[in-house]
């Protein structure tokens, strides 16, 4: 795992979860009223089954996919550095 891949997954999961909470998931988007203020509706998915899908169900797969796809683009740490980090552990 590279640092770039880890950050990519973390950021993707966070942004997707926030988007889903504020604009799609009816239980949160309705009381927060951000979607209502911007688009004039309680949820962008109002009237569909997507409005009841928990953000974790969407954000976790998105995070995993971005981590796996972008992980090879990161710089791999030198093996000496990794050995020094785990020195004495078996």
Protein backbone atom coordinates (compact mmCIF):
# COMPACT_ATOMS: atom_id res chain seq x y z
CA UNK A 1 0.00 0.00 0.00
CA UNK A 2 1.36 3.37 -0.98
CA UNK A 3 0.62 6.63 0.79
CA UNK A 4 -1.02 7.96 -2.38
CA UNK A 5 -3.38 4.97 -2.57
CA UNK A 6 -4.32 5.30 1.09
CA UNK A 7 -5.03 9.00 0.78
CA UNK A 8 -7.03 8.45 -2.41
CA UNK A 9 -9.27 5.93 -0.67
CA UNK A 10 -9.65 8.09 2.42
CA UNK A 11 -10.55 11.24 0.50
CA UNK A 12 -12.90 9.43 -1.88
CA UNK A 13 -14.75 7.70 0.95
CA UNK A 14 -15.10 10.94 2.88
CA UNK A 15 -16.36 13.00 -0.07
CA UNK A 16 -18.81 10.34 -1.27
CA UNK A 17 -20.15 9.88 2.25
CA UNK A 18 -20.60 13.62 2.77
CA UNK A 19 -22.33 14.00 -0.61
CA UNK A 20 -24.63 11.07 0.13
CA UNK A 21 -25.49 12.41 3.60
CA UNK A 22 -26.22 15.96 2.46
CA UNK A 23 -27.99 15.31 -0.83
CA UNK A 24 -29.25 11.71 -1.17
CA UNK A 25 -29.97 9.90 2.12
CA UNK A 26 -33.37 11.20 3.17
CA UNK A 27 -32.92 10.67 6.93
CA UNK A 28 -30.05 13.16 6.99
CA UNK A 29 -30.67 15.40 3.98
CA UNK A 30 -34.19 16.36 5.07
CA UNK A 31 -33.26 17.67 8.56
CA UNK A 32 -30.05 19.32 7.32
CA UNK A 33 -32.05 21.21 4.64
CA UNK A 34 -28.95 21.89 2.53
CA UNK A 35 -30.41 20.03 -0.45
CA UNK A 36 -33.71 21.87 0.01
CA UNK A 37 -31.94 25.23 0.06
CA UNK A 38 -29.93 24.52 -3.09
CA UNK A 39 -32.24 22.36 -5.21
CA UNK A 40 -35.67 22.87 -3.64
CA UNK A 41 -36.18 19.18 -2.75
CA UNK A 42 -35.51 17.18 0.41
CA UNK A 43 -33.35 14.65 -1.47
CA UNK A 44 -32.02 14.40 -5.01
CA UNK A 45 -33.18 10.78 -4.99
CA UNK A 46 -36.60 11.48 -3.48
CA UNK A 47 -39.13 8.85 -4.49
CA UNK A 48 -36.51 6.21 -5.32
CA UNK A 49 -34.92 3.43 -3.30
CA UNK A 50 -31.57 5.26 -3.43
CA UNK A 51 -32.94 7.71 -0.84
CA UNK A 52 -32.90 5.01 1.85
CA UNK A 53 -29.51 3.47 1.04
CA UNK A 54 -27.00 4.14 3.83
CA UNK A 55 -23.96 6.24 2.82
CA UNK A 56 -21.58 3.51 4.00
CA UNK A 57 -22.96 1.11 1.38
CA UNK A 58 -21.93 3.57 -1.34
CA UNK A 59 -18.80 5.17 0.14
CA UNK A 60 -16.96 1.99 1.18
CA UNK A 61 -16.92 0.34 -2.27
CA UNK A 62 -15.99 3.69 -3.87
CA UNK A 63 -13.13 4.06 -1.41
CA UNK A 64 -11.87 0.50 -2.00
CA UNK A 65 -12.02 0.90 -5.78
CA UNK A 66 -10.10 4.19 -5.73
CA UNK A 67 -7.50 2.73 -3.37
CA UNK A 68 -6.92 -0.26 -5.64
CA UNK A 69 -6.90 1.78 -8.85
CA UNK A 70 -4.65 4.61 -7.64
CA UNK A 71 -2.33 2.59 -5.39
CA UNK A 72 0.06 1.66 -8.25
CA UNK A 73 0.55 5.35 -9.05
CA UNK A 74 2.15 6.01 -5.67
CA UNK A 75 5.81 5.71 -4.74
CA UNK A 76 6.75 2.48 -2.95
CA UNK A 77 8.93 2.91 0.13
CA UNK A 78 12.48 1.53 0.10
CA UNK A 79 12.76 -1.94 1.66
CA UNK A 80 15.36 -0.66 4.16
CA UNK A 81 12.87 1.89 5.44
CA UNK A 82 10.16 -0.76 5.87
CA UNK A 83 12.57 -3.08 7.68
CA UNK A 84 13.58 -0.27 10.05
CA UNK A 85 9.93 0.45 10.83
CA UNK A 86 9.20 -3.17 11.72
CA UNK A 87 12.51 -3.95 13.38
CA UNK A 88 12.10 -6.48 16.17
CA UNK A 89 8.60 -7.59 15.16
CA UNK A 90 7.92 -11.10 13.96
